[in-house]
């Protein structure tokens, strides 16, 4: 699975689960197949989503980052456009 495919799956699952702003989830890797959860490409995909400001880390719980989608207006438009373009990737 390519990095872009991983990003599509993560965004799709976060949008469908309504994880925006303070509605965070601690383990976004669970959305992926087991063989990709600990891979370097998965870490790179998550880092790219954070750099694009699509993913935010609103808080840490027990030392683990809690992830959610960025609720800022321009980010919402970009995320939803990507989500609609790729449909249900997960």
C-alpha atoms as a PDB file:
ATOM      1  CA  UNK A   1       0.000   0.000   0.000  1.00  0.00           C
ATOM      2  CA  UNK A   2       1.386   3.381  -0.958  1.00  0.00           C
ATOM      3  CA  UNK A   3       1.651   6.394   1.302  1.00  0.00           C
ATOM      4  CA  UNK A   4      -1.201   8.150  -0.515  1.00  0.00           C
ATOM      5  CA  UNK A   5      -3.426   5.116  -0.048  1.00  0.00           C
ATOM      6  CA  UNK A   6      -2.683   5.121   3.677  1.00  0.00           C
ATOM      7  CA  UNK A   7      -3.567   8.815   3.898  1.00  0.00           C
ATOM      8  CA  UNK A   8      -6.840   8.197   2.030  1.00  0.00           C
ATOM      9  CA  UNK A   9      -7.822   5.430   4.424  1.00  0.00           C
ATOM     10  CA  UNK A  10      -6.986   7.495   7.513  1.00  0.00           C
ATOM     11  CA  UNK A  11      -8.837  10.590   6.296  1.00  0.00           C
ATOM     12  CA  UNK A  12     -11.829   8.544   5.192  1.00  0.00           C
ATOM     13  CA  UNK A  13     -12.144   6.774   8.536  1.00  0.00           C
ATOM     14  CA  UNK A  14     -11.667   9.976  10.552  1.00  0.00           C
ATOM     15  CA  UNK A  15     -14.300  11.835   8.494  1.00  0.00           C
ATOM     16  CA  UNK A  16     -16.808   8.996   8.780  1.00  0.00           C
ATOM     17  CA  UNK A  17     -16.128   8.732  12.519  1.00  0.00           C
ATOM     18  CA  UNK A  18     -16.569  12.513  12.905  1.00  0.00           C
ATOM     19  CA  UNK A  19     -13.218  12.982  14.619  1.00  0.00           C
ATOM     20  CA  UNK A  20     -12.949  16.785  14.262  1.00  0.00           C
ATOM     21  CA  UNK A  21     -11.287  19.098  16.785  1.00  0.00           C
ATOM     22  CA  UNK A  22     -11.827  17.828  20.318  1.00  0.00           C
ATOM     23  CA  UNK A  23     -13.483  14.608  19.099  1.00  0.00           C
ATOM     24  CA  UNK A  24     -10.165  12.779  18.970  1.00  0.00           C
ATOM     25  CA  UNK A  25      -9.066   9.181  18.755  1.00  0.00           C
ATOM     26  CA  UNK A  26      -5.893   7.758  20.219  1.00  0.00           C
ATOM     27  CA  UNK A  27      -5.053   4.989  17.797  1.00  0.00           C
ATOM     28  CA  UNK A  28      -5.505   5.872  14.145  1.00  0.00           C
ATOM     29  CA  UNK A  29      -3.300   2.952  13.149  1.00  0.00           C
ATOM     30  CA  UNK A  30      -6.191   0.590  13.958  1.00  0.00           C
ATOM     31  CA  UNK A  31      -7.875   1.824  10.775  1.00  0.00           C
ATOM     32  CA  UNK A  32      -5.137   0.158   8.707  1.00  0.00           C
ATOM     33  CA  UNK A  33      -4.421  -3.496   7.943  1.00  0.00           C
ATOM     34  CA  UNK A  34      -2.276  -5.146  10.609  1.00  0.00           C
ATOM     35  CA  UNK A  35       0.761  -5.513   8.380  1.00  0.00           C
ATOM     36  CA  UNK A  36       0.979  -1.709   7.920  1.00  0.00           C
ATOM     37  CA  UNK A  37       0.448  -0.519  11.484  1.00  0.00           C
ATOM     38  CA  UNK A  38       4.088  -0.449  12.528  1.00  0.00           C
ATOM     39  CA  UNK A  39       5.644   0.340   9.169  1.00  0.00           C
ATOM     40  CA  UNK A  40       7.780   3.369   8.387  1.00  0.00           C
ATOM     41  CA  UNK A  41       5.519   4.346   5.477  1.00  0.00           C
ATOM     42  CA  UNK A  42       2.608   4.659   7.919  1.00  0.00           C
ATOM     43  CA  UNK A  43       4.618   6.994  10.161  1.00  0.00           C
ATOM     44  CA  UNK A  44       5.572   9.064   7.116  1.00  0.00           C
ATOM     45  CA  UNK A  45       1.933   9.310   5.984  1.00  0.00           C
ATOM     46  CA  UNK A  46       0.822  10.487   9.434  1.00  0.00           C
ATOM     47  CA  UNK A  47       3.659  13.042   9.570  1.00  0.00           C
ATOM     48  CA  UNK A  48       2.672  14.399   6.144  1.00  0.00           C
ATOM     49  CA  UNK A  49      -0.948  14.806   7.251  1.00  0.00           C
ATOM     50  CA  UNK A  50       0.246  16.722  10.311  1.00  0.00           C
ATOM     51  CA  UNK A  51       2.507  18.954   8.160  1.00  0.00           C
ATOM     52  CA  UNK A  52      -0.415  19.611   5.787  1.00  0.00           C
ATOM     53  CA  UNK A  53      -2.362  20.622   8.906  1.00  0.00           C
ATOM     54  CA  UNK A  54      -5.095  18.085   8.174  1.00  0.00           C
ATOM     55  CA  UNK A  55      -4.360  16.156  11.358  1.00  0.00           C
ATOM     56  CA  UNK A  56      -3.884  17.801  14.730  1.00  0.00           C
ATOM     57  CA  UNK A  57      -2.905  16.487  18.125  1.00  0.00           C
ATOM     58  CA  UNK A  58      -5.233  18.285  20.558  1.00  0.00           C
ATOM     59  CA  UNK A  59      -3.874  16.446  23.606  1.00  0.00           C
ATOM     60  CA  UNK A  60      -1.813  13.567  24.922  1.00  0.00           C
ATOM     61  CA  UNK A  61      -3.189  10.812  27.106  1.00  0.00           C
ATOM     62  CA  UNK A  62      -0.862   8.453  28.945  1.00  0.00           C
ATOM     63  CA  UNK A  63       1.987   9.701  26.774  1.00  0.00           C
ATOM     64  CA  UNK A  64       0.175   8.775  23.552  1.00  0.00           C
ATOM     65  CA  UNK A  65      -0.917  11.429  21.038  1.00  0.00           C
ATOM     66  CA  UNK A  66      -4.630  11.820  20.457  1.00  0.00           C
ATOM     67  CA  UNK A  67      -5.387  12.596  16.785  1.00  0.00           C
ATOM     68  CA  UNK A  68      -8.264  14.461  15.154  1.00  0.00           C
ATOM     69  CA  UNK A  69      -8.999  16.312  11.947  1.00  0.00           C
ATOM     70  CA  UNK A  70      -8.283  20.022  11.863  1.00  0.00           C
ATOM     71  CA  UNK A  71     -11.585  21.966  12.134  1.00  0.00           C
ATOM     72  CA  UNK A  72     -10.175  25.173  10.574  1.00  0.00           C
ATOM     73  CA  UNK A  73     -12.285  26.397   7.638  1.00  0.00           C
ATOM     74  CA  UNK A  74      -9.748  25.987   4.814  1.00  0.00           C
ATOM     75  CA  UNK A  75      -8.614  22.612   6.128  1.00  0.00           C
ATOM     76  CA  UNK A  76     -12.207  21.383   6.290  1.00  0.00           C
ATOM     77  CA  UNK A  77     -12.753  22.316   2.649  1.00  0.00           C
ATOM     78  CA  UNK A  78      -9.571  20.545   1.542  1.00  0.00           C
ATOM     79  CA  UNK A  79     -10.274  17.456   3.626  1.00  0.00           C
ATOM     80  CA  UNK A  80     -13.873  17.136   2.473  1.00  0.00           C
ATOM     81  CA  UNK A  81     -12.882  17.688  -1.161  1.00  0.00           C
ATOM     82  CA  UNK A  82     -10.302  14.900  -0.864  1.00  0.00           C
ATOM     83  CA  UNK A  83     -12.793  12.655   0.937  1.00  0.00           C
ATOM     84  CA  UNK A  84     -15.459  13.149  -1.744  1.00  0.00           C
ATOM     85  CA  UNK A  85     -12.931  12.683  -4.553  1.00  0.00           C
ATOM     86  CA  UNK A  86     -11.725   9.340  -3.276  1.00  0.00           C
ATOM     87  CA  UNK A  87     -15.019   8.176  -1.806  1.00  0.00           C
ATOM     88  CA  UNK A  88     -14.944   5.437   0.791  1.00  0.00           C
ATOM     89  CA  UNK A  89     -11.344   4.257   0.676  1.00  0.00           C
ATOM     90  CA  UNK A  90     -11.672   2.215   3.834  1.00  0.00           C
END
